[in-house]
Amino acid sequence: MARKVDVRVISATTRDLLRDVEAGRFRGDLYYRLKGVLIRVPSLRERPYDVELLLDWYLERYNEKYGVRVGLSSEAREKLLSYPWPGNVRELKHVVEGLVVSSADGGVVSEVDVARLLDGGLSSVDVNRSGLSRDEIERALKQAGGNKSKAARLLGVSRTTLWHRMKEFGIE
């Protein structure tokens, strides 16, 4: 039995679909069905005035998430504000989280910390497949006085997950 439905499709891409249609890499009929209303959102480097707002918002969000109070030195802030953000908002989000996570004791992030993270990539945060970083695990273990059950509760994971992640990072 056929039913008539009224749907709206919202999609996003970083590709130039019209160019892909012309090159034969995307179906023209699908492009024109999807085209409807195009909304172009400028990249973060095209709207540098948003960087500081997003930076502060993500900093507050991750401070709350990880239960720390990490701030930025004026030099660190300036380095982040002048960075071109080729990975857009997603990169900014991950960098801020990396800065908060790697500053396990809280305090102030320096320009050197920012440079290390931007130059070395996010691998320097050393996050495993569960999303837990080595620093998070070590901080939780320190807060829990070495008690793995308590540390697992602090991290919101099972004791077994914590044990496996500790093994991945070589934490005794």
N, C-alpha and C. Protein backbone atom coordinates (compact mmCIF):
# COMPACT_ATOMS: atom_id res chain seq x y z
N MET A 1 0.84 -1.16 0.00
CA MET A 1 0.00 0.00 0.00
C MET A 1 0.90 1.25 0.00
N ALA A 2 0.69 2.14 -0.92
CA ALA A 2 1.46 3.38 -1.02
C ALA A 2 0.84 4.45 -0.12
N ARG A 3 1.72 5.22 0.50
CA ARG A 3 1.28 6.34 1.34
C ARG A 3 1.99 7.60 0.88
N LYS A 4 1.27 8.67 0.89
CA LYS A 4 1.87 9.93 0.54
C LYS A 4 2.46 10.54 1.82
N VAL A 5 3.71 10.99 1.73
CA VAL A 5 4.36 11.60 2.89
C VAL A 5 4.97 12.93 2.47
N ASP A 6 5.11 13.79 3.42
CA ASP A 6 5.75 15.08 3.19
C ASP A 6 6.99 15.10 4.08
N VAL A 7 8.17 15.07 3.48
CA VAL A 7 9.40 15.04 4.25
C VAL A 7 10.31 16.20 3.85
N ARG A 8 11.21 16.52 4.76
CA ARG A 8 12.24 17.52 4.48
C ARG A 8 13.58 16.88 4.80
N VAL A 9 14.50 17.07 3.91
CA VAL A 9 15.83 16.51 4.09
C VAL A 9 16.80 17.66 4.35
N ILE A 10 17.53 17.54 5.42
CA ILE A 10 18.57 18.52 5.72
C ILE A 10 19.89 17.79 5.61
N SER A 11 20.78 18.32 4.80
CA SER A 11 22.07 17.66 4.62
C SER A 11 23.17 18.70 4.62
N ALA A 12 24.37 18.23 4.84
CA ALA A 12 25.53 19.12 4.86
C ALA A 12 26.69 18.44 4.18
N THR A 13 27.51 19.24 3.54
CA THR A 13 28.70 18.72 2.90
C THR A 13 29.74 19.82 2.79
N THR A 14 30.97 19.42 2.70
CA THR A 14 32.05 20.38 2.44
C THR A 14 32.40 20.37 0.96
N ARG A 15 31.74 19.52 0.21
CA ARG A 15 32.00 19.36 -1.23
C ARG A 15 31.24 20.40 -2.03
N ASP A 16 31.75 20.73 -3.21
CA ASP A 16 31.02 21.56 -4.16
C ASP A 16 30.25 20.59 -5.05
N LEU A 17 29.00 20.32 -4.67
CA LEU A 17 28.22 19.29 -5.36
C LEU A 17 27.93 19.65 -6.81
N LEU A 18 27.72 20.92 -7.12
CA LEU A 18 27.47 21.30 -8.51
C LEU A 18 28.69 20.97 -9.37
N ARG A 19 29.86 21.23 -8.85
CA ARG A 19 31.09 20.88 -9.58
C ARG A 19 31.18 19.35 -9.73
N ASP A 20 30.77 18.62 -8.68
CA ASP A 20 30.79 17.15 -8.76
C ASP A 20 29.78 16.65 -9.78
N VAL A 21 28.63 17.31 -9.89
CA VAL A 21 27.63 16.94 -10.91
C VAL A 21 28.23 17.14 -12.29
N GLU A 22 28.84 18.31 -12.50
CA GLU A 22 29.45 18.62 -13.80
C GLU A 22 30.57 17.66 -14.16
N ALA A 23 31.28 17.16 -13.15
CA ALA A 23 32.38 16.22 -13.38
C ALA A 23 31.90 14.78 -13.44
N GLY A 24 30.59 14.55 -13.22
CA GLY A 24 30.05 13.20 -13.27
C GLY A 24 30.27 12.39 -12.01
N ARG A 25 30.62 13.04 -10.90
CA ARG A 25 30.88 12.34 -9.65
C ARG A 25 29.66 12.33 -8.72
N PHE A 26 28.61 13.05 -9.08
CA PHE A 26 27.40 13.11 -8.26
C PHE A 26 26.21 13.19 -9.21
N ARG A 27 25.15 12.48 -8.87
CA ARG A 27 23.98 12.43 -9.75
C ARG A 27 23.26 13.78 -9.78
N GLY A 28 23.05 14.29 -10.99
CA GLY A 28 22.40 15.58 -11.17
C GLY A 28 20.98 15.60 -10.64
N ASP A 29 20.22 14.52 -10.89
CA ASP A 29 18.82 14.51 -10.42
C ASP A 29 18.76 14.56 -8.89
N LEU A 30 19.68 13.89 -8.24
CA LEU A 30 19.72 13.92 -6.78
C LEU A 30 20.12 15.31 -6.28
N TYR A 31 21.08 15.91 -6.96
CA TYR A 31 21.51 17.26 -6.58
C TYR A 31 20.33 18.23 -6.62
N TYR A 32 19.56 18.20 -7.70
CA TYR A 32 18.45 19.15 -7.83
C TYR A 32 17.30 18.83 -6.88
N ARG A 33 17.15 17.57 -6.50
CA ARG A 33 16.15 17.23 -5.48
C ARG A 33 16.56 17.74 -4.11
N LEU A 34 17.86 17.65 -3.83
CA LEU A 34 18.37 18.08 -2.53
C LEU A 34 18.58 19.60 -2.43
N LYS A 35 18.81 20.22 -3.56
CA LYS A 35 19.24 21.61 -3.56
C LYS A 35 18.31 22.52 -2.76
N GLY A 36 17.06 22.58 -3.02
CA GLY A 36 16.11 23.38 -2.25
C GLY A 36 16.67 24.71 -1.84
N VAL A 37 16.87 24.90 -0.57
CA VAL A 37 17.41 26.13 -0.03
C VAL A 37 18.85 25.87 0.42
N LEU A 38 19.77 26.58 -0.14
CA LEU A 38 21.17 26.43 0.24
C LEU A 38 21.52 27.46 1.31
N ILE A 39 22.11 26.98 2.36
CA ILE A 39 22.58 27.87 3.43
C ILE A 39 24.08 27.64 3.54
N ARG A 40 24.83 28.66 3.25
CA ARG A 40 26.29 28.55 3.35
C ARG A 40 26.73 29.06 4.72
N VAL A 41 27.39 28.20 5.46
CA VAL A 41 27.95 28.59 6.75
C VAL A 41 29.44 28.82 6.53
N PRO A 42 29.88 30.05 6.73
CA PRO A 42 31.31 30.34 6.50
C PRO A 42 32.19 29.53 7.45
N SER A 43 33.39 29.22 6.97
CA SER A 43 34.34 28.50 7.82
C SER A 43 34.75 29.39 8.98
N LEU A 44 35.31 28.79 9.99
CA LEU A 44 35.72 29.53 11.19
C LEU A 44 36.78 30.58 10.84
N ARG A 45 37.66 30.27 9.91
CA ARG A 45 38.69 31.25 9.55
C ARG A 45 38.10 32.47 8.85
N GLU A 46 36.86 32.33 8.31
CA GLU A 46 36.18 33.46 7.68
C GLU A 46 35.41 34.29 8.71
N ARG A 47 35.30 33.80 9.92
CA ARG A 47 34.59 34.52 10.97
C ARG A 47 35.39 34.45 12.28
N PRO A 48 36.57 35.07 12.28
CA PRO A 48 37.45 34.99 13.45
C PRO A 48 36.82 35.55 14.72
N TYR A 49 35.84 36.41 14.58
CA TYR A 49 35.15 36.98 15.74
C TYR A 49 34.42 35.91 16.55
N ASP A 50 34.13 34.77 15.94
CA ASP A 50 33.45 33.68 16.66
C ASP A 50 34.42 32.81 17.47
N VAL A 51 35.71 32.87 17.14
CA VAL A 51 36.68 31.99 17.79
C VAL A 51 36.68 32.21 19.30
N GLU A 52 36.73 33.46 19.73
CA GLU A 52 36.79 33.71 21.17
C GLU A 52 35.53 33.25 21.89
N LEU A 53 34.38 33.48 21.28
CA LEU A 53 33.13 33.02 21.89
C LEU A 53 33.10 31.51 22.03
N LEU A 54 33.48 30.81 20.97
CA LEU A 54 33.49 29.35 20.99
C LEU A 54 34.57 28.83 21.94
N LEU A 55 35.70 29.47 21.94
CA LEU A 55 36.80 29.09 22.83
C LEU A 55 36.35 29.13 24.29
N ASP A 56 35.74 30.23 24.68
CA ASP A 56 35.28 30.37 26.06
C ASP A 56 34.17 29.38 26.38
N TRP A 57 33.27 29.16 25.43
CA TRP A 57 32.16 28.24 25.65
C TRP A 57 32.67 26.82 25.85
N TYR A 58 33.57 26.36 24.96
CA TYR A 58 34.11 25.01 25.09
C TYR A 58 34.99 24.88 26.34
N LEU A 59 35.73 25.92 26.69
CA LEU A 59 36.56 25.86 27.88
C LEU A 59 35.68 25.65 29.12
N GLU A 60 34.60 26.39 29.21
CA GLU A 60 33.68 26.24 30.34
C GLU A 60 33.04 24.84 30.35
N ARG A 61 32.64 24.40 29.16
CA ARG A 61 32.00 23.08 29.04
C ARG A 61 32.93 21.96 29.50
N TYR A 62 34.20 21.98 29.07
CA TYR A 62 35.12 20.91 29.43
C TYR A 62 35.64 21.04 30.86
N ASN A 63 35.75 22.26 31.37
CA ASN A 63 36.08 22.41 32.78
C ASN A 63 35.02 21.73 33.64
N GLU A 64 33.77 21.95 33.26
CA GLU A 64 32.66 21.34 34.00
C GLU A 64 32.67 19.81 33.83
N LYS A 65 32.86 19.35 32.62
CA LYS A 65 32.84 17.91 32.34
C LYS A 65 33.92 17.17 33.13
N TYR A 66 35.11 17.75 33.20
CA TYR A 66 36.23 17.06 33.85
C TYR A 66 36.45 17.50 35.29
N GLY A 67 35.61 18.39 35.78
CA GLY A 67 35.69 18.80 37.17
C GLY A 67 36.97 19.53 37.53
N VAL A 68 37.45 20.35 36.61
CA VAL A 68 38.67 21.12 36.85
C VAL A 68 38.40 22.59 36.61
N ARG A 69 39.38 23.40 36.87
CA ARG A 69 39.27 24.84 36.61
C ARG A 69 40.52 25.23 35.85
N VAL A 70 40.51 25.03 34.52
CA VAL A 70 41.64 25.34 33.67
C VAL A 70 41.39 26.69 33.01
N GLY A 71 42.40 27.55 33.04
CA GLY A 71 42.31 28.85 32.39
C GLY A 71 43.39 28.96 31.32
N LEU A 72 43.38 30.07 30.61
CA LEU A 72 44.36 30.30 29.55
C LEU A 72 45.19 31.53 29.88
N SER A 73 46.50 31.43 29.70
CA SER A 73 47.32 32.62 29.83
C SER A 73 46.97 33.54 28.66
N SER A 74 47.30 34.82 28.78
CA SER A 74 46.98 35.75 27.69
C SER A 74 47.71 35.35 26.41
N GLU A 75 48.93 34.82 26.54
CA GLU A 75 49.68 34.38 25.36
C GLU A 75 49.04 33.15 24.72
N ALA A 76 48.56 32.23 25.54
CA ALA A 76 47.89 31.03 25.02
C ALA A 76 46.60 31.44 24.29
N ARG A 77 45.85 32.34 24.91
CA ARG A 77 44.62 32.82 24.29
C ARG A 77 44.91 33.49 22.94
N GLU A 78 45.94 34.31 22.90
CA GLU A 78 46.29 35.00 21.65
C GLU A 78 46.69 34.00 20.56
N LYS A 79 47.44 32.97 20.96
CA LYS A 79 47.85 31.95 19.98
C LYS A 79 46.62 31.23 19.41
N LEU A 80 45.67 30.91 20.28
CA LEU A 80 44.45 30.24 19.82
C LEU A 80 43.60 31.17 18.95
N LEU A 81 43.55 32.44 19.28
CA LEU A 81 42.75 33.39 18.50
C LEU A 81 43.37 33.67 17.13
N SER A 82 44.68 33.55 17.02
CA SER A 82 45.33 33.84 15.75
C SER A 82 45.51 32.60 14.87
N TYR A 83 45.20 31.43 15.40
CA TYR A 83 45.33 30.18 14.64
C TYR A 83 44.26 30.14 13.54
N PRO A 84 44.57 29.64 12.33
CA PRO A 84 43.60 29.67 11.22
C PRO A 84 42.48 28.62 11.28
N TRP A 85 42.53 27.64 12.14
CA TRP A 85 41.51 26.60 12.33
C TRP A 85 41.09 25.91 11.03
N PRO A 86 42.05 25.24 10.37
CA PRO A 86 41.70 24.53 9.13
C PRO A 86 40.67 23.42 9.35
N GLY A 87 40.58 22.89 10.57
CA GLY A 87 39.61 21.85 10.88
C GLY A 87 38.29 22.41 11.38
N ASN A 88 38.17 23.74 11.32
CA ASN A 88 36.93 24.43 11.68
C ASN A 88 36.56 24.26 13.16
N VAL A 89 35.28 24.37 13.47
CA VAL A 89 34.80 24.33 14.85
C VAL A 89 35.13 23.00 15.50
N ARG A 90 35.08 21.93 14.74
CA ARG A 90 35.38 20.61 15.30
C ARG A 90 36.82 20.56 15.82
N GLU A 91 37.75 21.15 15.08
CA GLU A 91 39.14 21.18 15.53
C GLU A 91 39.28 22.03 16.79
N LEU A 92 38.63 23.18 16.82
CA LEU A 92 38.67 24.04 18.00
C LEU A 92 38.16 23.29 19.23
N LYS A 93 37.05 22.60 19.05
CA LYS A 93 36.46 21.83 20.15
C LYS A 93 37.44 20.80 20.69
N HIS A 94 38.08 20.05 19.79
CA HIS A 94 39.00 19.00 20.21
C HIS A 94 40.27 19.57 20.84
N VAL A 95 40.74 20.69 20.34
CA VAL A 95 41.93 21.32 20.91
C VAL A 95 41.64 21.80 22.33
N VAL A 96 40.50 22.45 22.53
CA VAL A 96 40.16 22.93 23.87
C VAL A 96 40.01 21.75 24.83
N GLU A 97 39.35 20.68 24.39
CA GLU A 97 39.23 19.51 25.25
C GLU A 97 40.60 18.94 25.57
N GLY A 98 41.48 18.88 24.58
CA GLY A 98 42.83 18.39 24.80
C GLY A 98 43.59 19.23 25.80
N LEU A 99 43.42 20.54 25.74
CA LEU A 99 44.09 21.43 26.69
C LEU A 99 43.59 21.20 28.11
N VAL A 100 42.28 21.04 28.25
CA VAL A 100 41.71 20.81 29.58
C VAL A 100 42.15 19.46 30.13
N VAL A 101 42.09 18.43 29.29
CA VAL A 101 42.47 17.08 29.73
C VAL A 101 43.95 17.01 30.08
N SER A 102 44.79 17.67 29.30
CA SER A 102 46.23 17.59 29.57
C SER A 102 46.66 18.47 30.73
N SER A 103 45.78 19.33 31.20
CA SER A 103 46.06 20.15 32.38
C SER A 103 45.35 19.54 33.57
N ALA A 104 45.74 18.33 33.89
CA ALA A 104 45.03 17.52 34.90
C ALA A 104 44.89 18.21 36.25
N ASP A 105 45.85 19.04 36.62
CA ASP A 105 45.79 19.68 37.93
C ASP A 105 45.06 21.02 37.89
N GLY A 106 44.48 21.35 36.75
CA GLY A 106 43.85 22.66 36.62
C GLY A 106 44.94 23.70 36.40
N GLY A 107 44.66 24.93 36.69
CA GLY A 107 45.67 25.97 36.53
C GLY A 107 45.54 26.69 35.21
N VAL A 108 46.65 27.22 34.75
CA VAL A 108 46.66 28.05 33.56
C VAL A 108 47.43 27.37 32.44
N VAL A 109 46.82 27.30 31.27
CA VAL A 109 47.45 26.73 30.08
C VAL A 109 48.38 27.78 29.50
N SER A 110 49.59 27.38 29.18
CA SER A 110 50.58 28.31 28.62
C SER A 110 50.58 28.27 27.10
N GLU A 111 51.27 29.22 26.51
CA GLU A 111 51.42 29.27 25.06
C GLU A 111 52.16 28.02 24.57
N VAL A 112 53.09 27.52 25.38
CA VAL A 112 53.84 26.30 25.03
C VAL A 112 52.89 25.11 24.95
N ASP A 113 51.94 25.01 25.90
CA ASP A 113 50.96 23.92 25.88
C ASP A 113 50.12 23.98 24.60
N VAL A 114 49.70 25.18 24.24
CA VAL A 114 48.89 25.36 23.03
C VAL A 114 49.70 24.99 21.80
N ALA A 115 50.95 25.47 21.73
CA ALA A 115 51.80 25.17 20.58
C ALA A 115 52.04 23.67 20.44
N ARG A 116 52.25 23.00 21.58
CA ARG A 116 52.48 21.55 21.55
C ARG A 116 51.28 20.83 20.96
N LEU A 117 50.11 21.24 21.37
CA LEU A 117 48.89 20.57 20.91
C LEU A 117 48.60 20.90 19.44
N LEU A 118 48.78 22.16 19.06
CA LEU A 118 48.51 22.55 17.67
C LEU A 118 49.54 21.98 16.72
N ASP A 119 50.80 21.98 17.13
CA ASP A 119 51.87 21.48 16.26
C ASP A 119 51.94 19.97 16.23
N GLY A 120 51.67 19.35 17.38
CA GLY A 120 51.81 17.90 17.48
C GLY A 120 50.55 17.15 17.13
N GLY A 121 49.45 17.84 16.98
CA GLY A 121 48.20 17.17 16.69
C GLY A 121 47.59 16.58 17.95
N LEU A 122 46.39 16.07 17.83
CA LEU A 122 45.67 15.57 18.99
C LEU A 122 46.24 14.26 19.51
N SER A 123 47.11 13.61 18.75
CA SER A 123 47.69 12.37 19.25
C SER A 123 48.51 12.64 20.50
N SER A 124 48.96 13.88 20.69
CA SER A 124 49.74 14.18 21.88
C SER A 124 48.90 14.12 23.15
N VAL A 125 47.58 14.15 23.01
CA VAL A 125 46.71 14.00 24.17
C VAL A 125 46.64 12.53 24.57
N ASP A 126 46.93 11.64 23.61
CA ASP A 126 46.98 10.21 23.88
C ASP A 126 45.63 9.69 24.38
N VAL A 127 44.62 9.77 23.54
CA VAL A 127 43.29 9.30 23.88
C VAL A 127 43.11 7.91 23.28
N ASN A 128 42.62 6.96 24.08
CA ASN A 128 42.41 5.62 23.56
C ASN A 128 41.00 5.48 23.01
N ARG A 129 40.64 4.30 22.55
CA ARG A 129 39.37 4.12 21.85
C ARG A 129 38.14 4.36 22.71
N SER A 130 38.26 4.35 24.02
CA SER A 130 37.11 4.61 24.88
C SER A 130 36.88 6.10 25.06
N GLY A 131 37.81 6.92 24.56
CA GLY A 131 37.69 8.35 24.74
C GLY A 131 38.37 8.82 26.01
N LEU A 132 38.91 7.91 26.80
CA LEU A 132 39.61 8.30 28.02
C LEU A 132 41.07 8.55 27.69
N SER A 133 41.60 9.62 28.23
CA SER A 133 43.01 9.91 28.01
C SER A 133 43.83 9.34 29.16
N ARG A 134 45.10 9.19 28.92
CA ARG A 134 46.03 8.74 29.97
C ARG A 134 45.95 9.69 31.16
N ASP A 135 45.93 11.00 30.87
CA ASP A 135 45.88 11.99 31.95
C ASP A 135 44.61 11.86 32.79
N GLU A 136 43.48 11.64 32.13
CA GLU A 136 42.22 11.47 32.86
C GLU A 136 42.30 10.28 33.82
N ILE A 137 42.81 9.17 33.30
CA ILE A 137 42.91 7.96 34.11
C ILE A 137 43.84 8.18 35.28
N GLU A 138 45.00 8.77 35.01
CA GLU A 138 45.97 9.01 36.09
C GLU A 138 45.41 9.99 37.12
N ARG A 139 44.69 11.01 36.66
CA ARG A 139 44.09 11.97 37.59
C ARG A 139 43.04 11.30 38.47
N ALA A 140 42.19 10.45 37.84
CA ALA A 140 41.16 9.75 38.61
C ALA A 140 41.79 8.80 39.63
N LEU A 141 42.83 8.10 39.23
CA LEU A 141 43.52 7.20 40.16
C LEU A 141 44.12 7.98 41.33
N LYS A 142 44.67 9.15 41.02
CA LYS A 142 45.25 9.98 42.08
C LYS A 142 44.15 10.46 43.03
N GLN A 143 43.02 10.93 42.46
CA GLN A 143 41.90 11.39 43.30
C GLN A 143 41.34 10.27 44.15
N ALA A 144 41.38 9.04 43.61
CA ALA A 144 40.82 7.89 44.31
C ALA A 144 41.86 7.22 45.22
N GLY A 145 43.01 7.82 45.34
CA GLY A 145 44.05 7.24 46.19
C GLY A 145 44.50 5.87 45.71
N GLY A 146 44.46 5.65 44.41
CA GLY A 146 44.88 4.37 43.84
C GLY A 146 43.80 3.31 43.80
N ASN A 147 42.63 3.60 44.36
CA ASN A 147 41.52 2.65 44.37
C ASN A 147 40.88 2.61 42.98
N LYS A 148 41.05 1.50 42.28
CA LYS A 148 40.57 1.38 40.90
C LYS A 148 39.05 1.42 40.80
N SER A 149 38.36 0.83 41.75
CA SER A 149 36.89 0.86 41.73
C SER A 149 36.38 2.29 41.84
N LYS A 150 36.96 3.04 42.76
CA LYS A 150 36.56 4.43 42.95
C LYS A 150 36.93 5.27 41.72
N ALA A 151 38.11 5.03 41.15
CA ALA A 151 38.55 5.75 39.95
C ALA A 151 37.60 5.47 38.78
N ALA A 152 37.19 4.21 38.65
CA ALA A 152 36.26 3.85 37.58
C ALA A 152 34.94 4.60 37.75
N ARG A 153 34.46 4.70 38.99
CA ARG A 153 33.21 5.44 39.25
C ARG A 153 33.39 6.92 38.89
N LEU A 154 34.54 7.49 39.24
CA LEU A 154 34.81 8.89 38.91
C LEU A 154 34.80 9.12 37.40
N LEU A 155 35.30 8.14 36.66
CA LEU A 155 35.38 8.25 35.20
C LEU A 155 34.08 7.84 34.50
N GLY A 156 33.18 7.22 35.25
CA GLY A 156 31.92 6.78 34.66
C GLY A 156 32.06 5.56 33.78
N VAL A 157 33.02 4.69 34.11
CA VAL A 157 33.22 3.45 33.35
C VAL A 157 33.25 2.28 34.33
N SER A 158 33.17 1.09 33.79
CA SER A 158 33.24 -0.09 34.66
C SER A 158 34.69 -0.31 35.08
N ARG A 159 34.87 -1.10 36.15
CA ARG A 159 36.20 -1.43 36.62
C ARG A 159 36.98 -2.18 35.54
N THR A 160 36.28 -3.06 34.82
CA THR A 160 36.91 -3.83 33.75
C THR A 160 37.40 -2.91 32.64
N THR A 161 36.55 -1.94 32.26
CA THR A 161 36.95 -0.98 31.22
C THR A 161 38.18 -0.21 31.67
N LEU A 162 38.16 0.26 32.91
CA LEU A 162 39.31 0.99 33.43
C LEU A 162 40.55 0.12 33.38
N TRP A 163 40.43 -1.13 33.82
CA TRP A 163 41.58 -2.04 33.82
C TRP A 163 42.14 -2.21 32.41
N HIS A 164 41.24 -2.40 31.41
CA HIS A 164 41.69 -2.56 30.02
C HIS A 164 42.37 -1.29 29.51
N ARG A 165 41.81 -0.13 29.83
CA ARG A 165 42.40 1.14 29.37
C ARG A 165 43.74 1.39 30.04
N MET A 166 43.84 1.03 31.31
CA MET A 166 45.12 1.17 32.00
C MET A 166 46.17 0.29 31.32
N LYS A 167 45.76 -0.91 30.94
CA LYS A 167 46.67 -1.83 30.26
C LYS A 167 47.10 -1.26 28.91
N GLU A 168 46.17 -0.64 28.16
CA GLU A 168 46.49 -0.03 26.88
C GLU A 168 47.57 1.04 27.02
N PHE A 169 47.47 1.82 28.10
CA PHE A 169 48.41 2.92 28.32
C PHE A 169 49.65 2.49 29.09
N GLY A 170 49.67 1.24 29.57
CA GLY A 170 50.81 0.77 30.36
C GLY A 170 50.85 1.37 31.75
N ILE A 171 49.67 1.64 32.30
CA ILE A 171 49.59 2.19 33.66
C ILE A 171 49.46 1.03 34.62
N GLU A 172 50.28 1.02 35.64
CA GLU A 172 50.25 -0.08 36.63
C GLU A 172 49.25 0.22 37.72
